[in-house]
Amino acid sequence: MHYGEIKKFDIADGPGVRVTLFVSGCTNHCEGCFQPQTWDFGFGRPFTQQTQDELIAALAPDYIAGLTLLGGEPFEPENQRALLPFVRRVRETYPDKTIWAYSGFTYDGELLREGSHPRCEVTDELLSLLDVLVDGRFVLAQKDISLRFRGSRNQRILDLRRTREAGHIVLWTEPKRGI
């Protein structure tokens, strides 16, 4: 797997200050994509043990809320296989930090559907390690810059912990802040 960028102080892709990994490789090719260079599976640099160690260290400060996986497409099968051991390590090292992922593939329509392109032998475990999934392809005709943590109105922010507990889709809601 390759990655195009790492942001160590990201406030746009989930709540709080986050560490963000932009993986390379995407077959969705959404019109108006803000990272079309990441469609190429060979774009950027190899995702090595050194890269993973760098990300683990970047997640250490108390003010870092968690990790966000973007792309490209984290749920391309080859990316899932490479990300799973790393995401396991993040979950074990930082159990109180949240892990978010963005995917153009829909949770219930593609990621859970047997025989769909993104579904592979590691999909269920990778999903089980995530707290939140922003799903759905970016649709230029539904672009809305007023939306928080998503680019188009068709995209959903799924609370995967609550979805697993409830047995049906539960949308994420931002926690209320104390006054």
Protein backbone atom coordinates (compact mmCIF):
# COMPACT_ATOMS: atom_id res chain seq x y z
CA MET A 1 0.00 0.00 0.00
CA HIS A 2 1.03 3.59 -0.62
CA TYR A 3 -0.05 6.82 1.00
CA GLY A 4 -0.14 10.34 -0.32
CA GLU A 5 -0.11 12.44 2.82
CA ILE A 6 -0.09 12.44 6.60
CA LYS A 7 -1.53 15.35 8.55
CA LYS A 8 -0.51 15.40 12.20
CA PHE A 9 -2.78 18.28 13.24
CA ASP A 10 -6.03 17.93 11.29
CA ILE A 11 -9.26 19.58 12.49
CA ALA A 12 -11.38 19.04 9.36
CA ASP A 13 -11.82 15.26 9.25
CA GLY A 14 -13.44 14.41 12.58
CA PRO A 15 -13.87 16.05 15.97
CA GLY A 16 -10.90 17.48 17.82
CA VAL A 17 -7.32 17.50 16.63
CA ARG A 18 -6.63 14.33 14.67
CA VAL A 19 -3.86 12.51 12.86
CA THR A 20 -4.98 11.82 9.29
CA LEU A 21 -3.64 9.29 6.81
CA PHE A 22 -4.52 9.69 3.12
CA VAL A 23 -4.09 6.28 1.49
CA SER A 24 -3.53 5.85 -2.24
CA GLY A 25 -5.75 3.90 -4.59
CA CYS A 26 -9.40 4.42 -5.45
CA THR A 27 -11.66 2.91 -8.09
CA ASN A 28 -14.62 5.23 -7.36
CA HIS A 29 -13.21 8.25 -9.27
CA CYS A 30 -15.86 10.68 -7.99
CA GLU A 31 -16.39 13.76 -10.15
CA GLY A 32 -15.03 16.77 -8.25
CA CYS A 33 -12.83 14.67 -5.93
CA PHE A 34 -10.52 16.90 -3.90
CA GLN A 35 -7.68 14.35 -4.05
CA PRO A 36 -7.76 12.82 -7.56
CA GLN A 37 -4.02 12.15 -7.46
CA THR A 38 -4.75 9.50 -4.82
CA TRP A 39 -6.76 7.39 -7.27
CA ASP A 40 -3.43 5.90 -8.39
CA PHE A 41 -2.52 2.93 -6.17
CA GLY A 42 1.18 3.77 -6.63
CA PHE A 43 0.89 7.46 -5.72
CA GLY A 44 3.03 8.78 -2.89
CA ARG A 45 5.22 6.71 -0.62
CA PRO A 46 5.12 3.11 0.59
CA PHE A 47 3.27 2.51 3.87
CA THR A 48 6.18 1.03 5.82
CA GLN A 49 6.79 0.03 9.43
CA GLN A 50 8.60 3.36 9.83
CA THR A 51 5.48 5.19 8.58
CA GLN A 52 3.33 3.28 11.06
CA ASP A 53 5.72 4.07 13.92
CA GLU A 54 5.62 7.75 12.94
CA LEU A 55 1.81 7.72 13.05
CA ILE A 56 1.74 5.92 16.41
CA ALA A 57 4.09 8.56 17.85
CA ALA A 58 1.99 11.39 16.37
CA LEU A 59 -1.11 9.98 18.13
CA ALA A 60 0.56 10.04 21.58
CA PRO A 61 -0.18 13.60 22.82
CA ASP A 62 -3.27 13.96 25.00
CA TYR A 63 -4.68 16.70 22.76
CA ILE A 64 -4.88 14.30 19.78
CA ALA A 65 -8.43 12.93 19.68
CA GLY A 66 -7.71 10.10 17.28
CA LEU A 67 -6.92 8.79 13.82
CA THR A 68 -8.77 9.41 10.57
CA LEU A 69 -8.30 7.27 7.44
CA LEU A 70 -9.04 8.92 4.10
CA GLY A 71 -8.03 8.51 0.53
CA GLY A 72 -7.95 7.55 -2.07
CA GLU A 73 -10.09 4.80 -0.63
CA PRO A 74 -9.26 2.95 2.62
CA PHE A 75 -11.77 0.22 1.72
CA GLU A 76 -10.20 -0.91 -1.52
CA PRO A 77 -9.43 -4.56 -0.63
CA GLU A 78 -5.64 -4.17 -0.93
CA ASN A 79 -5.76 -1.11 1.33
CA GLN A 80 -7.92 -2.89 3.91
CA ARG A 81 -5.43 -5.74 4.11
CA ALA A 82 -2.52 -3.32 4.68
CA LEU A 83 -4.43 -1.10 7.13
CA LEU A 84 -5.85 -3.83 9.37
CA PRO A 85 -2.66 -4.65 11.35
CA PHE A 86 -1.96 -0.93 11.77
CA VAL A 87 -5.51 -0.13 12.93
CA ARG A 88 -5.32 -3.05 15.39
CA ARG A 89 -2.12 -1.53 16.76
CA VAL A 90 -3.72 1.92 17.09
CA ARG A 91 -6.72 0.43 18.92
CA GLU A 92 -4.45 -1.54 21.30
CA THR A 93 -2.07 1.37 21.94
CA TYR A 94 -4.71 4.08 22.29
CA PRO A 95 -8.02 2.45 23.31
CA ASP A 96 -9.54 5.81 24.30
CA LYS A 97 -8.82 7.59 21.01
CA THR A 98 -11.39 7.43 18.23
CA ILE A 99 -10.79 5.96 14.80
CA TRP A 100 -12.70 7.44 11.88
CA ALA A 101 -12.64 6.36 8.24
CA TYR A 102 -14.06 7.84 5.07
CA SER A 103 -15.25 5.59 2.27
CA GLY A 104 -16.99 6.16 -1.02
CA PHE A 105 -18.44 2.68 -0.55
CA THR A 106 -21.65 2.50 1.47
CA TYR A 107 -21.65 0.51 4.70
CA ASP A 108 -24.82 -1.49 4.20
CA GLY A 109 -24.94 -1.35 0.41
CA GLU A 110 -21.38 -2.43 -0.38
CA LEU A 111 -19.08 -3.04 2.60
CA LEU A 112 -21.40 -5.61 4.18
CA ARG A 113 -22.72 -7.10 0.93
CA GLU A 114 -21.16 -10.43 -0.03
CA GLY A 115 -19.69 -10.37 -3.51
CA SER A 116 -19.33 -6.58 -3.71
CA HIS A 117 -16.03 -5.13 -4.92
CA PRO A 118 -14.78 -3.76 -1.58
CA ARG A 119 -15.83 -6.69 0.61
CA CYS A 120 -12.98 -9.05 1.43
CA GLU A 121 -11.79 -11.37 4.19
CA VAL A 122 -10.73 -8.48 6.49
CA THR A 123 -13.64 -6.05 6.00
CA ASP A 124 -15.63 -7.10 9.06
CA GLU A 125 -12.65 -6.92 11.41
CA LEU A 126 -11.55 -3.55 10.07
CA LEU A 127 -15.07 -2.16 10.48
CA SER A 128 -15.20 -3.57 14.03
CA LEU A 129 -12.19 -1.44 14.98
CA LEU A 130 -13.74 1.83 13.75
CA ASP A 131 -15.81 4.22 15.82
CA VAL A 132 -17.19 6.25 12.92
CA LEU A 133 -17.52 5.72 9.17
CA VAL A 134 -18.36 8.52 6.77
CA ASP A 135 -19.80 6.62 3.82
CA GLY A 136 -20.99 7.29 0.30
CA ARG A 137 -19.36 8.62 -2.81
CA PHE A 138 -18.83 12.36 -3.13
CA VAL A 139 -21.54 13.66 -5.49
CA LEU A 140 -20.64 17.00 -7.01
CA ALA A 141 -24.30 17.92 -7.64
CA GLN A 142 -24.94 17.46 -3.89
CA LYS A 143 -21.83 19.32 -2.70
CA ASP A 144 -22.58 21.40 0.39
CA ILE A 145 -19.74 23.27 2.10
CA SER A 146 -21.93 23.90 5.17
CA LEU A 147 -21.89 20.19 6.10
CA ARG A 148 -19.64 19.15 8.95
CA PHE A 149 -17.19 16.30 8.21
CA ARG A 150 -18.59 15.45 4.78
CA GLY A 151 -18.66 17.00 1.33
CA SER A 152 -22.02 16.11 -0.19
CA ARG A 153 -25.55 15.69 1.19
CA ASN A 154 -25.78 11.99 0.25
CA GLN A 155 -22.92 11.05 2.54
CA ARG A 156 -23.68 9.70 6.01
CA ILE A 157 -21.74 9.84 9.26
CA LEU A 158 -22.32 6.46 10.90
CA ASP A 159 -21.74 5.77 14.58
CA LEU A 160 -20.42 2.25 14.13
CA ARG A 161 -20.31 1.42 17.85
CA ARG A 162 -23.99 2.25 18.26
CA THR A 163 -24.82 0.65 14.89
CA ARG A 164 -23.26 -2.64 16.02
CA GLU A 165 -25.12 -2.48 19.37
CA ALA A 166 -28.49 -1.59 17.79
CA GLY A 167 -28.26 -3.93 14.82
CA HIS A 168 -29.28 -1.14 12.44
CA ILE A 169 -27.77 2.09 11.08
CA VAL A 170 -27.28 4.78 13.74
CA LEU A 171 -26.08 8.16 12.58
CA TRP A 172 -23.33 9.88 14.55
CA THR A 173 -24.25 13.00 16.46
CA GLU A 174 -21.67 15.38 17.79
CA PRO A 175 -21.47 15.27 21.59
CA LYS A 176 -22.77 18.38 23.33
CA ARG A 177 -20.11 20.56 24.89
CA GLY A 178 -20.44 21.88 28.42
CA ILE A 179 -21.13 25.58 28.77
